[in-house]
Amino acid sequence: MPFSANALNILAATPAWLRMPIPTTDTFATSLECVNSHVPMSLIGLLSDKQILVGAIDVATDRVETPEEVLGVIEDALKYADAERIQPCTNCGLAPRSRAVAEAKLNALGAGARLARERLG
């Protein structure tokens, strides 16, 4: 699949927004902020031809997620798309966090992804 710099980022979902159709785009990937947001994971089911970046790390808090929490987000995403299309990531940038918190969150993201590969194949 060719690389495209085009991406769609879905930050939040309100009831009115959820009634609107998702625009048809030529984007390669769609990023969903999944942890502590109002974006329903089921939106993944509407994006059958996209790579999905699944926000498994909340960047709005210093609380560091556990690898098991990251795994839970990945497992939820896998209900709507094959593993080949799921890419765990942060909800957004970690710039507002301290370096120590950012590193701990990225370590949790990596550890959660490893758990997913071990448990889910």
Protein backbone atom coordinates (compact mmCIF):
# COMPACT_ATOMS: atom_id res chain seq x y z
CA MET A 1 0.00 0.00 0.00
CA PRO A 2 1.57 3.33 -0.98
CA PHE A 3 2.31 5.89 1.71
CA SER A 4 0.15 8.99 1.83
CA ALA A 5 0.69 12.04 3.95
CA ASN A 6 -3.08 12.50 4.14
CA ALA A 7 -4.73 11.56 7.41
CA LEU A 8 -7.97 12.27 9.22
CA ASN A 9 -7.87 12.78 12.99
CA ILE A 10 -11.10 12.27 14.94
CA LEU A 11 -10.68 14.05 18.26
CA ALA A 12 -14.09 13.95 19.87
CA ALA A 13 -17.62 12.94 19.10
CA THR A 14 -20.79 14.65 20.24
CA PRO A 15 -24.27 13.19 19.68
CA ALA A 16 -24.91 15.67 16.83
CA TRP A 17 -21.56 14.89 15.22
CA LEU A 18 -22.22 11.16 15.34
CA ARG A 19 -25.35 11.62 13.21
CA MET A 20 -23.30 13.22 10.44
CA PRO A 21 -21.86 11.01 7.70
CA ILE A 22 -18.11 10.41 7.79
CA PRO A 23 -16.70 12.19 4.74
CA THR A 24 -15.32 10.03 1.98
CA THR A 25 -11.67 10.93 1.70
CA ASP A 26 -8.57 9.65 0.00
CA THR A 27 -6.74 9.49 3.31
CA PHE A 28 -4.44 6.57 4.01
CA ALA A 29 -5.00 6.56 7.76
CA THR A 30 -7.45 7.74 10.36
CA SER A 31 -6.47 8.54 13.92
CA LEU A 32 -9.05 8.01 16.66
CA GLU A 33 -8.58 9.41 20.15
CA CYS A 34 -10.00 6.45 22.05
CA VAL A 35 -8.88 6.77 25.68
CA ASN A 36 -10.98 9.12 27.83
CA SER A 37 -12.69 10.70 24.84
CA HIS A 38 -16.18 10.48 23.46
CA VAL A 39 -15.11 8.87 20.20
CA PRO A 40 -16.89 5.51 19.95
CA MET A 41 -14.60 2.66 18.98
CA SER A 42 -17.33 1.45 16.62
CA LEU A 43 -16.35 4.23 14.18
CA ILE A 44 -13.55 1.91 13.11
CA GLY A 45 -16.18 -0.23 11.43
CA LEU A 46 -17.01 2.66 9.09
CA LEU A 47 -13.40 3.00 7.94
CA SER A 48 -12.92 -0.35 6.25
CA ASP A 49 -10.26 0.82 3.80
CA LYS A 50 -8.06 2.81 6.21
CA GLN A 51 -5.14 2.18 8.49
CA ILE A 52 -6.40 3.01 11.99
CA LEU A 53 -4.26 4.79 14.56
CA VAL A 54 -5.88 3.94 17.88
CA GLY A 55 -5.20 6.40 20.69
CA ALA A 56 -4.42 4.16 23.66
CA ILE A 57 -2.57 6.79 25.73
CA ASP A 58 -4.32 9.83 27.23
CA VAL A 59 -2.07 12.86 26.77
CA ALA A 60 -4.26 15.13 28.91
CA THR A 61 -3.10 13.62 32.20
CA ASP A 62 0.15 12.67 33.93
CA ARG A 63 -1.34 9.32 34.98
CA VAL A 64 0.61 6.58 33.24
CA GLU A 65 -1.47 3.82 31.73
CA THR A 66 -0.68 0.21 32.48
CA PRO A 67 0.27 -2.17 29.67
CA GLU A 68 -2.95 -4.05 30.44
CA GLU A 69 -5.01 -0.88 29.87
CA VAL A 70 -3.28 -0.36 26.52
CA LEU A 71 -3.98 -4.00 25.68
CA GLY A 72 -7.66 -3.43 26.51
CA VAL A 73 -7.89 -0.57 24.01
CA ILE A 74 -6.21 -2.70 21.34
CA GLU A 75 -8.57 -5.59 22.05
CA ASP A 76 -11.56 -3.25 21.73
CA ALA A 77 -10.25 -1.94 18.38
CA LEU A 78 -9.79 -5.49 17.12
CA LYS A 79 -13.54 -6.01 17.41
CA TYR A 80 -13.90 -3.67 14.42
CA ALA A 81 -10.77 -4.20 12.28
CA ASP A 82 -8.08 -6.75 11.54
CA ALA A 83 -4.79 -6.45 13.40
CA GLU A 84 -2.96 -5.47 10.19
CA ARG A 85 -4.89 -2.18 10.14
CA ILE A 86 -4.58 -1.30 13.85
CA GLN A 87 -1.66 0.88 15.01
CA PRO A 88 -1.69 1.79 18.71
CA CYS A 89 -0.57 5.34 19.43
CA THR A 90 -1.09 8.27 21.78
CA ASN A 91 -4.26 10.36 21.56
CA CYS A 92 -2.19 13.34 20.47
CA GLY A 93 1.22 14.84 21.20
CA LEU A 94 2.96 14.45 24.55
CA ALA A 95 4.51 17.95 24.54
CA PRO A 96 2.39 19.15 27.50
CA ARG A 97 3.74 16.33 29.68
CA SER A 98 7.10 16.22 31.41
CA ARG A 99 9.82 14.17 29.75
CA ALA A 100 9.61 11.52 32.48
CA VAL A 101 5.84 11.17 32.11
CA ALA A 102 6.06 11.12 28.31
CA GLU A 103 8.72 8.39 28.39
CA ALA A 104 6.70 6.33 30.90
CA LYS A 105 3.58 6.63 28.73
CA LEU A 106 5.49 5.57 25.61
CA ASN A 107 6.96 2.63 27.51
CA ALA A 108 3.44 1.60 28.55
CA LEU A 109 2.31 1.90 24.92
CA GLY A 110 5.13 -0.38 23.77
CA ALA A 111 4.54 -2.87 26.58
CA GLY A 112 0.81 -2.97 25.83
CA ALA A 113 1.48 -3.59 22.13
CA ARG A 114 3.87 -6.42 23.06
CA LEU A 115 1.18 -7.95 25.27
CA ALA A 116 -1.29 -7.76 22.40
CA ARG A 117 1.13 -9.53 20.03
CA GLU A 118 1.85 -12.24 22.63
CA ARG A 119 -1.78 -12.86 23.58
CA LEU A 120 -3.51 -12.27 20.29
CA GLY A 121 -0.93 -13.52 17.84
